[in-house]
């Protein structure tokens, strides 16, 4: 009578928090019946050999523990199903196959009682049935959690064909040039697949939201659109991924790994750009606002220059530079990359020395011309040293006019412009240095607003603008 009242009251149509609370124990305890029943099956087969006969005394208890834990799992699973986040057809078969596992394991428990007799022709079909049900129920549970294609997603095509699945689609080529990166197929969809689709797929569509394609993302869920093109702040999807992790609405939920800062920035930029379904990243980002972040996301910011073997430098040129006041050092034992330091010469740099440096442009990766009276006209030649990773131009009267010649130094990771005359011209040059990680700008004409703009353009760039941070370098 009480159960009838509970059903008629609609409690299961609008499950209470208590039911959902107990339901969420299902993923925790579901491994108990699997473990007990697998042990029982193995033991039942093993006792056919004399040396495993001692296991016979424990089989009865294993079936009992398996049946008991299967019952608890079924009950919690039923409570969890009331949340309505799962594909109904898959859920139906998962639920009834789980109940069948409980009933058949209970039957095995009953017949393994020493007082009960189980014929040879009944025992083995029972064992095979329980084994098959365990596999089938687990498979359906995996489909509910990870999607219907989870188990066979990476299976060979013949196996996929037997399962009624289409052949595997050709994977997209790895992005090795940012110009070839598609904004949705190479950026947005991979982020969704890695962080979101485990809860928003064809088998488990939480909040009736599917995040497996552009059309489904733009369609939204039971509460309407989750992406408002051009407005990240109005987009529910974006709001949820930037909430504190302990917030009830934070996504991804259920303890899954949150989106990285790079992924959040890329999704924000995609929405701000109109949430397009296609288009190259570089075409959609003409002002290079997201270039550094996208390069880091694809791993294109990793400098592979040092993996390249370079030839031995011309000894005559090295000797000539040393005679002019340069300190030349080899940086690697197994490669021929060089460092050139002119700061100890206490002389002004001349065009002749720069011409000699250009003859070592393949080997030269570190160059220190601090306090060497470098002028804007010299930067045209320095800008041709395209393998430079580290460049020190501190205490030189260079300006924005000369700085533009350095825009081709795309391998540069470190740039020291301390006590120079550079200013807002940095905004034109620095974004082109996509690998730049650290820049020193203390005692320059750079304003705070320029620093803020640089930080916005490249969030991976560390700008040193204070004295106490410069003195240690």
Protein backbone atom coordinates (compact mmCIF):
# COMPACT_ATOMS: atom_id res chain seq x y z
CA UNK A 1 0.00 0.00 0.00
CA UNK A 2 2.79 2.40 0.91
CA UNK A 3 4.61 1.57 -2.34
CA UNK A 4 1.44 2.27 -4.32
CA UNK A 5 1.11 5.67 -2.66
CA UNK A 6 4.77 6.42 -3.41
CA UNK A 7 4.37 5.53 -7.11
CA UNK A 8 1.12 7.45 -7.51
CA UNK A 9 2.62 10.50 -5.86
CA UNK A 10 5.04 10.92 -8.74
CA UNK A 11 8.09 10.64 -6.49
CA UNK A 12 9.88 8.61 -9.16
CA UNK A 13 8.98 11.13 -11.86
CA UNK A 14 10.58 13.84 -9.75
CA UNK A 15 13.18 11.91 -7.78
CA UNK A 16 14.31 13.43 -4.53
CA UNK A 17 17.90 14.34 -3.83
CA UNK A 18 18.08 11.38 -1.44
CA UNK A 19 17.30 8.87 -4.23
CA UNK A 20 19.81 10.45 -6.57
CA UNK A 21 22.35 10.49 -3.72
CA UNK A 22 22.02 6.73 -3.24
CA UNK A 23 21.86 6.23 -7.01
CA UNK A 24 25.31 7.74 -7.43
CA UNK A 25 26.76 4.88 -5.39
CA UNK A 26 26.03 2.64 -8.39
CA UNK A 27 29.36 3.30 -10.18
CA UNK A 28 31.14 2.68 -6.87
CA UNK A 29 29.60 -0.67 -5.94
CA UNK A 30 29.08 -2.07 -9.45
CA UNK A 31 32.55 -3.61 -9.36
CA UNK A 32 31.70 -5.71 -6.30
CA UNK A 33 29.31 -8.17 -8.00
CA UNK A 34 31.61 -8.31 -11.03
CA UNK A 35 34.52 -9.33 -8.82
CA UNK A 36 32.60 -11.83 -6.69
CA UNK A 37 30.82 -13.45 -9.63
CA UNK A 38 33.95 -13.71 -11.77
CA UNK A 39 35.72 -15.38 -8.83
CA UNK A 40 32.76 -17.74 -8.37
CA UNK A 41 32.78 -18.68 -12.08
CA UNK A 42 36.54 -19.26 -12.10
CA UNK A 43 36.34 -21.34 -8.91
CA UNK A 44 33.43 -23.38 -10.29
CA UNK A 45 35.46 -24.28 -13.37
CA UNK A 46 38.69 -24.84 -11.42
CA UNK A 47 37.38 -27.45 -8.97
CA UNK A 48 37.17 -29.90 -11.85
CA UNK A 49 40.91 -30.46 -11.24
CA UNK A 50 41.95 -32.15 -7.99
CA UNK A 51 44.52 -29.56 -6.93
CA UNK A 52 41.82 -26.84 -6.90
CA UNK A 53 39.29 -28.92 -4.92
CA UNK A 54 39.84 -26.85 -1.71
CA UNK A 55 38.13 -23.92 -3.48
CA UNK A 56 34.87 -25.86 -3.49
CA UNK A 57 34.16 -24.86 0.12
CA UNK A 58 34.14 -21.16 -0.83
CA UNK A 59 32.04 -21.23 -3.99
CA UNK A 60 28.78 -21.08 -2.07
CA UNK A 61 29.87 -17.89 -0.29
CA UNK A 62 31.17 -16.29 -3.48
CA UNK A 63 27.80 -16.78 -5.20
CA UNK A 64 26.07 -15.40 -2.11
CA UNK A 65 28.23 -12.29 -1.97
CA UNK A 66 27.83 -11.87 -5.72
CA UNK A 67 24.04 -12.08 -5.53
CA UNK A 68 23.85 -9.72 -2.54
CA UNK A 69 26.10 -7.09 -4.10
CA UNK A 70 24.25 -7.48 -7.43
CA UNK A 71 21.00 -6.67 -5.64
CA UNK A 72 22.51 -3.54 -4.08
CA UNK A 73 23.89 -2.53 -7.48
CA UNK A 74 20.50 -3.00 -9.18
CA UNK A 75 18.74 -0.88 -6.55
CA UNK A 76 21.29 1.95 -6.75
CA UNK A 77 21.30 1.69 -10.53
CA UNK A 78 17.53 2.09 -10.59
CA UNK A 79 17.74 5.22 -8.42
CA UNK A 80 20.42 6.64 -10.71
CA UNK A 81 18.29 5.98 -13.80
CA UNK A 82 15.60 8.28 -12.39
CA UNK A 83 17.79 11.29 -13.17
CA UNK A 84 16.74 10.89 -16.83
CA UNK A 85 20.22 11.56 -18.24
CA UNK A 86 20.51 8.34 -20.26
CA UNK A 87 19.39 6.87 -23.56
CA UNK A 88 16.10 5.12 -22.79
CA UNK A 89 16.55 2.11 -25.06
CA UNK A 90 20.06 1.28 -23.79
CA UNK A 91 18.96 1.96 -20.22
CA UNK A 92 16.03 -0.45 -20.56
CA UNK A 93 18.23 -3.38 -21.61
CA UNK A 94 20.97 -2.50 -19.12
CA UNK A 95 18.46 -2.43 -16.29
CA UNK A 96 16.83 -5.78 -17.12
CA UNK A 97 20.09 -7.54 -17.90
CA UNK A 98 21.34 -6.33 -14.49
CA UNK A 99 18.25 -7.79 -12.84
CA UNK A 100 18.88 -11.04 -14.74
CA UNK A 101 22.46 -11.13 -13.40
CA UNK A 102 21.05 -10.87 -9.87
CA UNK A 103 18.43 -13.60 -10.42
CA UNK A 104 20.80 -16.05 -12.08
CA UNK A 105 23.53 -15.47 -9.49
CA UNK A 106 20.90 -16.05 -6.79
CA UNK A 107 19.95 -19.30 -8.52
CA UNK A 108 23.59 -20.40 -8.55
CA UNK A 109 23.85 -19.52 -4.86
CA UNK A 110 20.83 -21.69 -4.09
CA UNK A 111 22.03 -24.71 -6.05
CA UNK A 112 25.59 -24.61 -4.67
CA UNK A 113 24.16 -25.21 -1.21
CA UNK A 114 25.37 -28.64 -0.15
CA UNK A 115 21.80 -29.70 0.52
CA UNK A 116 20.77 -28.92 -3.06
CA UNK A 117 21.62 -31.05 -6.04
CA UNK A 118 22.46 -29.48 -9.40
CA UNK A 119 22.80 -31.73 -12.42
CA UNK A 120 25.79 -31.51 -14.74
CA UNK A 121 23.56 -30.37 -17.61
CA UNK A 122 22.05 -27.56 -15.52
CA UNK A 123 25.19 -26.23 -13.82
CA UNK A 124 27.23 -25.39 -16.91
CA UNK A 125 24.46 -23.61 -18.83
CA UNK A 126 23.87 -21.53 -15.69
CA UNK A 127 27.54 -20.59 -15.49
CA UNK A 128 27.69 -19.71 -19.18
CA UNK A 129 24.51 -17.63 -18.86
CA UNK A 130 25.85 -15.65 -15.89
CA UNK A 131 29.13 -15.05 -17.72
CA UNK A 132 27.34 -13.83 -20.84
CA UNK A 133 25.00 -11.61 -18.83
CA UNK A 134 27.93 -10.04 -16.96
CA UNK A 135 29.67 -9.18 -20.22
CA UNK A 136 26.50 -7.86 -21.88
CA UNK A 137 25.43 -5.79 -18.86
CA UNK A 138 28.89 -4.30 -18.48
CA UNK A 139 28.99 -3.45 -22.18
CA UNK A 140 25.66 -1.61 -21.96
CA UNK A 141 26.85 0.22 -18.85
CA UNK A 142 29.92 1.38 -20.74
CA UNK A 143 27.68 2.59 -23.59
CA UNK A 144 25.58 4.59 -21.15
CA UNK A 145 28.63 6.21 -19.61
CA UNK A 146 30.86 6.76 -22.64
CA UNK A 147 28.57 6.48 -25.65
CA UNK A 148 27.38 3.63 -27.85
CA UNK A 149 30.59 3.48 -29.91
CA UNK A 150 32.98 3.44 -26.95
CA UNK A 151 33.91 -0.26 -26.94
CA UNK A 152 34.42 -0.64 -30.68
CA UNK A 153 35.53 2.88 -31.53
CA UNK A 154 39.10 1.77 -32.23
CA UNK A 155 38.30 -1.78 -33.37
CA UNK A 156 39.43 -2.97 -36.84
CA UNK A 157 36.89 -2.41 -39.60
CA UNK A 158 35.92 -6.12 -39.95
CA UNK A 159 34.89 -6.21 -36.28
CA UNK A 160 33.07 -2.89 -36.63
CA UNK A 161 31.23 -4.33 -39.63
CA UNK A 162 30.07 -7.37 -37.64
CA UNK A 163 28.71 -4.98 -35.01
CA UNK A 164 26.79 -3.02 -37.64
CA UNK A 165 29.08 0.02 -37.37
CA UNK A 166 30.42 1.96 -40.37
CA UNK A 167 34.14 1.79 -41.23
CA UNK A 168 36.41 4.06 -39.21
CA UNK A 169 36.63 7.56 -40.55
CA UNK A 170 40.06 8.68 -41.56
CA UNK A 171 41.57 10.62 -38.65
CA UNK A 172 42.46 14.22 -39.30
CA UNK A 173 46.10 14.87 -39.93
CA UNK A 174 48.09 16.28 -37.06
CA UNK A 175 48.32 20.06 -37.23
CA UNK A 176 51.90 20.96 -38.01
CA UNK A 177 51.17 24.43 -39.40
CA UNK A 178 48.72 26.78 -37.73
CA UNK A 179 47.56 27.94 -41.16
CA UNK A 180 46.03 24.49 -41.75
CA UNK A 181 44.12 24.26 -38.43
CA UNK A 182 40.33 24.22 -38.81
CA UNK A 183 38.63 26.11 -35.98
CA UNK A 184 35.94 23.51 -35.30
CA UNK A 185 37.38 20.18 -36.45
CA UNK A 186 40.85 20.75 -35.00
CA UNK A 187 40.10 22.95 -31.98
CA UNK A 188 36.53 22.92 -30.69
CA UNK A 189 35.49 19.33 -31.43
CA UNK A 190 38.64 17.75 -29.90
CA UNK A 191 38.06 19.81 -26.73
CA UNK A 192 34.46 18.61 -26.60
CA UNK A 193 35.48 14.99 -27.19
CA UNK A 194 38.13 15.02 -24.48
CA UNK A 195 36.24 16.88 -21.76
CA UNK A 196 32.50 16.97 -22.50
CA UNK A 197 31.08 14.15 -24.63
CA UNK A 198 31.39 11.48 -21.94
CA UNK A 199 28.24 13.05 -20.45
CA UNK A 200 26.75 14.56 -23.60
CA UNK A 201 26.72 11.80 -26.21
CA UNK A 202 24.09 9.71 -28.00
CA UNK A 203 23.93 7.24 -25.11
CA UNK A 204 24.11 9.69 -22.21
CA UNK A 205 22.56 13.00 -23.10
CA UNK A 206 22.61 14.94 -19.82
CA UNK A 207 20.12 17.81 -19.82
CA UNK A 208 19.17 16.65 -23.34
CA UNK A 209 22.40 18.26 -24.55
CA UNK A 210 24.50 16.65 -27.28
CA UNK A 211 28.02 18.00 -27.89
CA UNK A 212 29.24 15.72 -30.67
CA UNK A 213 28.76 18.02 -33.68
CA UNK A 214 28.46 21.71 -34.52
CA UNK A 215 24.73 21.46 -35.20
CA UNK A 216 24.02 19.68 -31.90
CA UNK A 217 26.10 22.20 -29.93
CA UNK A 218 24.25 25.12 -31.48
CA UNK A 219 20.89 23.39 -30.95
CA UNK A 220 21.37 23.36 -27.19
CA UNK A 221 19.55 21.27 -24.60
CA UNK A 222 16.45 21.17 -22.47
CA UNK A 223 17.09 24.71 -21.20
CA UNK A 224 17.69 26.22 -24.62
CA UNK A 225 20.82 27.37 -26.42
CA UNK A 226 24.16 26.90 -24.65
CA UNK A 227 26.24 28.87 -27.15
CA UNK A 228 25.28 32.39 -28.18
CA UNK A 229 27.43 33.31 -31.17
CA UNK A 230 29.48 36.42 -30.49
CA UNK A 231 28.74 36.49 -26.77
CA UNK A 232 30.72 34.20 -24.44
CA UNK A 233 29.27 35.89 -21.34
CA UNK A 234 25.73 35.00 -22.49
CA UNK A 235 26.68 31.41 -23.41
CA UNK A 236 25.74 28.84 -20.75
CA UNK A 237 28.42 26.43 -21.92
CA UNK A 238 31.15 29.01 -21.38
CA UNK A 239 29.69 30.19 -18.06
CA UNK A 240 29.85 26.68 -16.64
CA UNK A 241 33.44 25.91 -17.64
CA UNK A 242 34.80 29.08 -15.93
CA UNK A 243 32.95 28.60 -12.61
CA UNK A 244 34.93 27.56 -9.51
CA UNK A 245 35.41 23.77 -9.50
CA UNK A 246 33.44 23.41 -6.27
CA UNK A 247 30.38 25.13 -7.75
CA UNK A 248 27.33 22.92 -8.34
CA UNK A 249 27.04 24.09 -11.96
CA UNK A 250 30.73 23.65 -12.84
CA UNK A 251 31.42 21.55 -15.92
CA UNK A 252 32.72 19.01 -16.54
CA UNK A 253 31.14 17.50 -13.46
CA UNK A 254 31.57 14.24 -11.58
CA UNK A 255 35.25 14.82 -10.82
CA UNK A 256 36.35 14.81 -14.46
CA UNK A 257 39.43 16.78 -15.47
CA UNK A 258 38.52 20.44 -16.12
CA UNK A 259 39.42 22.37 -19.23
CA UNK A 260 42.90 23.89 -19.29
CA UNK A 261 43.37 27.66 -19.47
CA UNK A 262 44.33 27.26 -23.12
CA UNK A 263 41.14 25.34 -23.90
CA UNK A 264 39.00 27.92 -22.09
CA UNK A 265 40.66 30.77 -24.01
CA UNK A 266 40.19 28.99 -27.33
CA UNK A 267 36.50 28.32 -26.70
CA UNK A 268 35.96 31.92 -25.61
CA UNK A 269 37.63 33.17 -28.78
CA UNK A 270 35.61 30.72 -30.94
CA UNK A 271 32.32 31.95 -29.48
CA UNK A 272 33.42 35.58 -29.73
CA UNK A 273 34.26 34.95 -33.39
CA UNK A 274 30.68 33.85 -34.07
CA UNK A 275 31.03 30.13 -33.23
CA UNK A 276 31.72 29.19 -36.88
CA UNK A 277 31.41 25.60 -38.07
CA UNK A 278 34.52 25.87 -40.23
CA UNK A 279 37.35 28.19 -41.16
CA UNK A 280 41.08 28.36 -40.57
CA UNK A 281 42.27 29.70 -37.24
CA UNK A 282 44.68 32.18 -38.81
CA UNK A 283 42.00 33.56 -41.16
CA UNK A 284 39.59 34.06 -38.28
CA UNK A 285 42.32 35.68 -36.18
CA UNK A 286 43.84 38.38 -38.42
CA UNK A 287 44.94 40.45 -35.40
CA UNK A 288 46.86 37.45 -33.96
CA UNK A 289 44.98 37.61 -30.64
CA UNK A 290 44.84 33.85 -30.18
CA UNK A 291 47.84 32.77 -32.29
CA UNK A 292 50.19 32.11 -29.35
CA UNK A 293 47.55 30.16 -27.43
CA UNK A 294 46.60 28.08 -30.47
CA UNK A 295 50.26 27.37 -31.23
CA UNK A 296 50.75 26.19 -27.66
CA UNK A 297 47.59 24.04 -27.83
CA UNK A 298 48.86 22.25 -30.94
CA UNK A 299 52.38 22.00 -29.54
CA UNK A 300 53.71 24.25 -32.29
CA UNK A 301 55.39 26.53 -29.77
CA UNK A 302 57.91 23.82 -28.93
CA UNK A 303 61.17 24.84 -30.53
CA UNK A 304 62.49 21.94 -32.58
CA UNK A 305 65.40 23.98 -33.80
CA UNK A 306 67.78 22.37 -31.31
CA UNK A 307 67.01 18.90 -32.69
CA UNK A 308 68.50 19.93 -36.02
CA UNK A 309 72.17 19.10 -36.59
CA UNK A 310 74.16 22.09 -37.88
CA UNK A 311 77.55 22.06 -39.58
CA UNK A 312 80.79 23.05 -37.89
CA UNK A 313 81.33 26.85 -38.02
CA UNK A 314 84.05 28.34 -40.20
CA UNK A 315 87.07 28.54 -37.90
CA UNK A 316 88.45 31.61 -39.69
CA UNK A 317 85.24 33.56 -39.10
CA UNK A 318 85.16 32.55 -35.44
CA UNK A 319 88.77 33.64 -34.99
CA UNK A 320 88.08 36.95 -36.73
CA UNK A 321 85.12 37.67 -34.44
CA UNK A 322 87.20 36.86 -31.40
CA UNK A 323 89.86 39.24 -32.56
CA UNK A 324 87.21 41.97 -32.80
CA UNK A 325 86.24 41.48 -29.15
CA UNK A 326 83.56 38.75 -29.27
CA UNK A 327 83.50 35.89 -26.81
CA UNK A 328 82.38 32.83 -28.82
CA UNK A 329 81.28 29.70 -26.94
CA UNK A 330 79.97 26.37 -28.14
CA UNK A 331 76.70 25.63 -26.31
CA UNK A 332 76.32 21.88 -26.91
CA UNK A 333 78.65 18.94 -26.76
CA UNK A 334 76.90 17.06 -29.57
CA UNK A 335 75.95 19.99 -31.78
CA UNK A 336 77.58 23.14 -33.13
CA UNK A 337 75.26 25.87 -31.86
CA UNK A 338 77.08 28.99 -30.64
CA UNK A 339 76.80 31.91 -28.25
CA UNK A 340 78.33 35.28 -29.15
CA UNK A 341 78.90 37.89 -26.44
CA UNK A 342 80.20 41.38 -27.24
CA UNK A 343 79.61 43.07 -23.89
CA UNK A 344 83.20 42.59 -22.65
CA UNK A 345 84.76 44.34 -25.63
CA UNK A 346 83.75 47.80 -24.34
CA UNK A 347 83.57 48.95 -27.95
CA UNK A 348 80.76 50.08 -30.21
CA UNK A 349 79.52 47.41 -32.60
CA UNK A 350 80.38 47.99 -36.26
CA UNK A 351 78.72 46.82 -39.46
CA UNK A 352 81.77 44.71 -40.22
CA UNK A 353 81.26 42.59 -37.10
CA UNK A 354 77.56 42.12 -37.93
CA UNK A 355 78.47 40.98 -41.44
CA UNK A 356 80.73 38.35 -39.89
CA UNK A 357 77.94 37.25 -37.55
CA UNK A 358 75.66 36.71 -40.55
CA UNK A 359 78.15 34.14 -41.84
CA UNK A 360 77.40 32.15 -38.67
CA UNK A 361 73.63 32.58 -38.85
CA UNK A 362 73.07 28.81 -38.99
CA UNK A 363 75.01 28.15 -35.77
CA UNK A 364 74.29 31.32 -33.76
CA UNK A 365 71.40 30.98 -31.31
CA UNK A 366 72.48 33.25 -28.40
CA UNK A 367 73.61 36.82 -28.98
CA UNK A 368 74.47 39.40 -26.33
CA UNK A 369 74.99 42.94 -27.62
CA UNK A 370 74.14 44.72 -24.39
CA UNK A 371 75.64 48.21 -24.01
CA UNK A 372 77.33 47.95 -27.41
CA UNK A 373 75.94 51.15 -28.98
CA UNK A 374 73.60 49.21 -31.23
CA UNK A 375 71.53 51.54 -33.43
CA UNK A 376 68.37 51.05 -35.46
CA UNK A 377 70.31 50.54 -38.68
CA UNK A 378 72.16 47.61 -37.09
CA UNK A 379 68.89 45.82 -36.32
CA UNK A 380 68.28 45.16 -40.00
CA UNK A 381 71.24 42.75 -40.01
CA UNK A 382 70.48 41.32 -36.56
CA UNK A 383 66.96 40.57 -37.80
CA UNK A 384 68.46 38.19 -40.37
CA UNK A 385 69.86 35.90 -37.66
CA UNK A 386 66.72 33.76 -37.80
CA UNK A 387 67.98 30.96 -35.54
CA UNK A 388 68.37 33.27 -32.53
CA UNK A 389 66.69 31.94 -29.40
CA UNK A 390 68.13 34.47 -26.97
CA UNK A 391 68.89 38.13 -27.78
CA UNK A 392 70.13 40.83 -25.38
CA UNK A 393 69.90 44.41 -26.69
CA UNK A 394 69.82 46.12 -23.31
CA UNK A 395 71.30 49.58 -22.73
CA UNK A 396 71.17 50.52 -26.41
CA UNK A 397 69.44 53.53 -27.95
CA UNK A 398 67.23 51.50 -30.29
CA UNK A 399 63.68 52.63 -31.11
CA UNK A 400 60.50 51.25 -32.62
CA UNK A 401 61.82 52.19 -36.05
CA UNK A 402 64.60 49.60 -35.84
CA UNK A 403 62.64 47.09 -33.79
CA UNK A 404 60.41 46.21 -36.75
CA UNK A 405 63.41 44.48 -38.37
CA UNK A 406 63.28 41.80 -35.66
CA UNK A 407 59.84 40.47 -36.65
CA UNK A 408 61.39 37.51 -38.52
CA UNK A 409 63.03 36.15 -35.38
CA UNK A 410 60.31 33.54 -34.89
CA UNK A 411 62.57 31.23 -32.86
CA UNK A 412 63.22 33.89 -30.25
CA UNK A 413 62.28 32.90 -26.69
CA UNK A 414 64.13 35.58 -24.71
CA UNK A 415 64.46 39.29 -25.53
CA UNK A 416 66.08 41.92 -23.31
CA UNK A 417 65.25 45.55 -24.23
CA UNK A 418 66.10 47.03 -20.83
CA UNK A 419 67.00 50.73 -20.92
CA UNK A 420 66.19 51.18 -24.61
CA UNK A 421 63.89 53.65 -26.36
CA UNK A 422 61.22 51.22 -27.55
CA UNK A 423 57.54 51.99 -26.92
CA UNK A 424 54.17 51.00 -28.38
CA UNK A 425 55.84 49.72 -31.56
CA UNK A 426 56.23 46.46 -29.63
CA UNK A 427 52.57 45.77 -30.31
CA UNK A 428 53.33 45.33 -34.00
CA UNK A 429 56.45 43.18 -33.62
CA UNK A 430 56.07 41.00 -30.51
CA UNK A 431 52.91 39.07 -31.64
CA UNK A 432 54.91 37.80 -34.63
CA UNK A 433 57.45 36.25 -32.27
CA UNK A 434 55.18 33.32 -31.49
CA UNK A 435 57.72 31.46 -29.33
CA UNK A 436 58.68 34.43 -27.17
CA UNK A 437 58.41 33.54 -23.49
CA UNK A 438 60.17 36.37 -21.66
CA UNK A 439 60.83 40.04 -22.44
CA UNK A 440 62.55 42.69 -20.30
CA UNK A 441 61.12 46.23 -20.65
CA UNK A 442 62.28 48.08 -17.53
CA UNK A 443 63.46 51.66 -18.14
CA UNK A 444 61.92 51.87 -21.61
CA UNK A 445 59.24 54.18 -23.01
CA UNK A 446 56.66 51.42 -22.79
CA UNK A 447 53.48 52.44 -20.94
CA UNK A 448 51.33 50.29 -18.66
CA UNK A 449 48.60 50.14 -21.31
CA UNK A 450 51.07 48.63 -23.78
CA UNK A 451 52.10 46.02 -21.20
CA UNK A 452 48.44 45.08 -20.70
CA UNK A 453 47.92 44.75 -24.44
CA UNK A 454 51.01 42.55 -24.79
CA UNK A 455 49.76 40.29 -22.00
CA UNK A 456 46.36 40.05 -23.67
CA UNK A 457 47.88 39.17 -27.04
CA UNK A 458 50.11 36.47 -25.60
CA UNK A 459 49.10 35.07 -22.23
CA UNK A 460 52.17 32.83 -22.23
CA UNK A 461 54.51 35.83 -22.36
CA UNK A 462 56.19 36.92 -19.12
CA UNK A 463 56.85 40.68 -19.20
CA UNK A 464 59.49 41.94 -16.77
CA UNK A 465 58.74 45.57 -16.01
CA UNK A 466 60.16 46.00 -12.51
CA UNK A 467 63.70 46.56 -11.29
CA UNK A 468 63.81 43.79 -8.69
CA UNK A 469 63.04 41.21 -11.38
CA UNK A 470 65.79 42.46 -13.71
CA UNK A 471 68.73 42.59 -11.32
CA UNK A 472 69.10 38.82 -11.17
CA UNK A 473 69.68 38.50 -14.91
